[in-house]
Amino acid sequence: MRLLLLVLLLAAAPAAGQSATSISVLPERLVAGDQATLTFDAPVNAVVTTYRPNSAIPIVDTLVVGGFTSVRWTPERAGVVRVSVPGGPSRNVSVRFTALPVAGLFVLIAAGLILFGGAAWAMRKLLSDGPPRTLPEVRPDT
């Protein structure tokens, strides 16, 4: 029983070299260009924001906080953003577009027309009243 309690306590404790700081973001639904508040459990000196983390072209921005527990931050781009404290925890947040992207809507409509238009054309061709099409007879060489 004591061994189980020890294992649970070690699992709940922060790893060596990491602070126990957690990051909270308000409002929870972020929009590009709108101001948000990042709050930490302990004072931090800097906050690193990474737009499109784990991609080939991430954009990294560093905010110098100067020992405060909260900072106002305005996300510049929509998408996934990793907010992290150097040598501490990180949190991925989702930033929405300010309006519906027109290019995305065009691609969605074009894909739907191709998909359903092709299916309608194939069904119409299949059920047309023309003469039945048969394959030519194949006779083996004799």
Protein backbone atom coordinates (compact mmCIF):
# COMPACT_ATOMS: atom_id res chain seq x y z
CA MET A 1 0.00 0.00 0.00
CA ARG A 2 2.82 2.39 0.84
CA LEU A 3 4.52 1.59 -2.46
CA LEU A 4 1.35 2.46 -4.36
CA LEU A 5 1.04 5.75 -2.46
CA LEU A 6 4.68 6.59 -3.23
CA VAL A 7 4.19 5.89 -6.95
CA LEU A 8 1.08 8.09 -7.05
CA LEU A 9 2.87 10.96 -5.30
CA LEU A 10 5.85 10.74 -7.66
CA ALA A 11 3.56 10.71 -10.70
CA ALA A 12 1.68 13.79 -9.47
CA ALA A 13 4.84 15.78 -8.68
CA PRO A 14 6.38 17.91 -11.45
CA ALA A 15 9.40 16.49 -13.22
CA ALA A 16 12.86 17.66 -12.17
CA GLY A 17 13.82 20.95 -13.80
CA GLN A 18 10.25 21.97 -14.59
CA SER A 19 8.20 24.49 -12.71
CA ALA A 20 4.67 23.67 -11.63
CA THR A 21 3.30 26.67 -13.55
CA SER A 22 0.08 26.11 -15.46
CA ILE A 23 -1.25 28.29 -18.25
CA SER A 24 -4.86 29.43 -18.52
CA VAL A 25 -6.32 31.41 -21.41
CA LEU A 26 -9.34 33.71 -21.29
CA PRO A 27 -11.54 33.82 -23.30
CA GLU A 28 -11.48 30.14 -24.16
CA ARG A 29 -12.63 30.78 -27.75
CA LEU A 30 -9.95 32.96 -29.27
CA VAL A 31 -10.39 34.95 -32.47
CA ALA A 32 -7.48 36.30 -34.51
CA GLY A 33 -6.95 39.98 -33.73
CA ASP A 34 -8.90 39.94 -30.45
CA GLN A 35 -7.10 40.41 -27.17
CA ALA A 36 -6.75 37.49 -24.73
CA THR A 37 -5.36 37.16 -21.22
CA LEU A 38 -2.76 34.51 -20.40
CA THR A 39 -2.60 33.71 -16.67
CA PHE A 40 0.12 31.70 -14.91
CA ASP A 41 0.32 30.20 -11.41
CA ALA A 42 3.77 31.69 -10.78
CA PRO A 43 5.52 34.78 -12.16
CA VAL A 44 7.20 34.24 -15.53
CA ASN A 45 9.78 36.28 -17.40
CA ALA A 46 8.87 35.36 -20.97
CA VAL A 47 6.15 33.63 -23.00
CA VAL A 48 6.85 31.95 -26.34
CA THR A 49 4.02 31.68 -28.89
CA THR A 50 4.50 29.31 -31.82
CA TYR A 51 2.05 29.56 -34.70
CA ARG A 52 1.62 26.28 -36.61
CA PRO A 53 3.74 24.17 -34.21
CA ASN A 54 5.32 20.97 -35.57
CA SER A 55 5.05 22.22 -39.15
CA ALA A 56 7.81 22.89 -41.66
CA ILE A 57 7.46 26.67 -41.27
CA PRO A 58 6.48 27.55 -37.69
CA ILE A 59 6.38 31.22 -36.71
CA VAL A 60 7.84 31.81 -33.23
CA ASP A 61 7.24 35.00 -31.25
CA THR A 62 8.57 35.79 -27.77
CA LEU A 63 6.75 38.07 -25.33
CA VAL A 64 8.87 39.47 -22.50
CA VAL A 65 6.59 39.56 -19.47
CA GLY A 66 9.00 40.68 -16.76
CA GLY A 67 7.91 38.64 -13.74
CA PHE A 68 4.13 39.03 -13.96
CA THR A 69 1.52 36.30 -13.53
CA SER A 70 -0.72 37.51 -16.36
CA VAL A 71 -0.18 39.11 -19.72
CA ARG A 72 -2.44 40.42 -22.47
CA TRP A 73 -1.81 38.79 -25.84
CA THR A 74 -3.33 39.38 -29.27
CA PRO A 75 -3.06 36.38 -31.62
CA GLU A 76 -2.05 37.53 -35.10
CA ARG A 77 -3.07 34.47 -37.13
CA ALA A 78 -5.77 31.83 -37.01
CA GLY A 79 -4.90 28.20 -36.43
CA VAL A 80 -3.18 26.19 -33.72
CA VAL A 81 -0.86 28.18 -31.45
CA ARG A 82 1.42 26.70 -28.80
CA VAL A 83 1.79 29.01 -25.80
CA SER A 84 4.76 28.02 -23.64
CA VAL A 85 7.01 29.23 -20.88
CA PRO A 86 10.75 28.64 -21.47
CA GLY A 87 11.74 25.65 -19.35
CA GLY A 88 8.15 25.16 -18.24
CA PRO A 89 4.78 23.94 -19.44
CA SER A 90 3.10 24.57 -22.76
CA ARG A 91 -0.48 24.61 -23.97
CA ASN A 92 -1.95 24.42 -27.45
CA VAL A 93 -4.81 26.81 -28.16
CA SER A 94 -7.03 27.15 -31.19
CA VAL A 95 -7.46 30.58 -32.74
CA ARG A 96 -10.44 31.11 -35.04
CA PHE A 97 -10.68 33.23 -38.16
CA THR A 98 -12.37 36.61 -37.83
CA ALA A 99 -14.73 35.77 -40.72
CA LEU A 100 -15.45 32.85 -42.99
CA PRO A 101 -12.51 32.39 -45.39
CA VAL A 102 -13.82 32.87 -48.94
CA ALA A 103 -11.16 30.64 -50.52
CA GLY A 104 -12.08 27.78 -48.17
CA LEU A 105 -15.74 28.13 -49.00
CA PHE A 106 -14.96 28.11 -52.75
CA VAL A 107 -12.87 24.93 -52.41
CA LEU A 108 -15.67 23.24 -50.42
CA ILE A 109 -18.31 24.11 -53.04
CA ALA A 110 -16.06 23.06 -55.94
CA ALA A 111 -15.29 19.71 -54.29
CA GLY A 112 -18.99 19.08 -53.64
CA LEU A 113 -19.91 19.88 -57.25
CA ILE A 114 -17.23 17.56 -58.59
CA LEU A 115 -18.18 14.74 -56.23
CA PHE A 116 -21.96 14.90 -56.56
CA GLY A 117 -21.90 16.06 -60.18
CA GLY A 118 -19.79 13.05 -61.16
CA ALA A 119 -22.08 10.70 -59.26
CA ALA A 120 -25.17 12.21 -60.94
CA TRP A 121 -23.56 11.96 -64.39
CA ALA A 122 -22.62 8.31 -63.80
CA MET A 123 -26.10 7.41 -62.54
CA ARG A 124 -27.74 9.18 -65.49
CA LYS A 125 -25.46 7.35 -67.93
CA LEU A 126 -26.23 4.03 -66.23
CA LEU A 127 -29.99 4.47 -66.30
CA SER A 128 -30.32 6.05 -69.75
CA ASP A 129 -32.84 4.57 -72.23
CA GLY A 130 -30.36 4.03 -75.05
CA PRO A 131 -29.63 0.65 -76.60
CA PRO A 132 -27.94 -1.77 -74.23
CA ARG A 133 -24.22 -1.80 -74.55
CA THR A 134 -22.55 -5.15 -74.69
CA LEU A 135 -18.96 -6.10 -74.74
CA PRO A 136 -17.66 -7.51 -78.02
CA GLU A 137 -17.38 -11.23 -78.06
CA VAL A 138 -13.93 -12.52 -77.52
CA ARG A 139 -13.18 -15.75 -79.32
CA PRO A 140 -10.06 -17.68 -78.55
CA ASP A 141 -7.78 -18.55 -81.42
CA THR A 142 -8.62 -21.91 -82.93
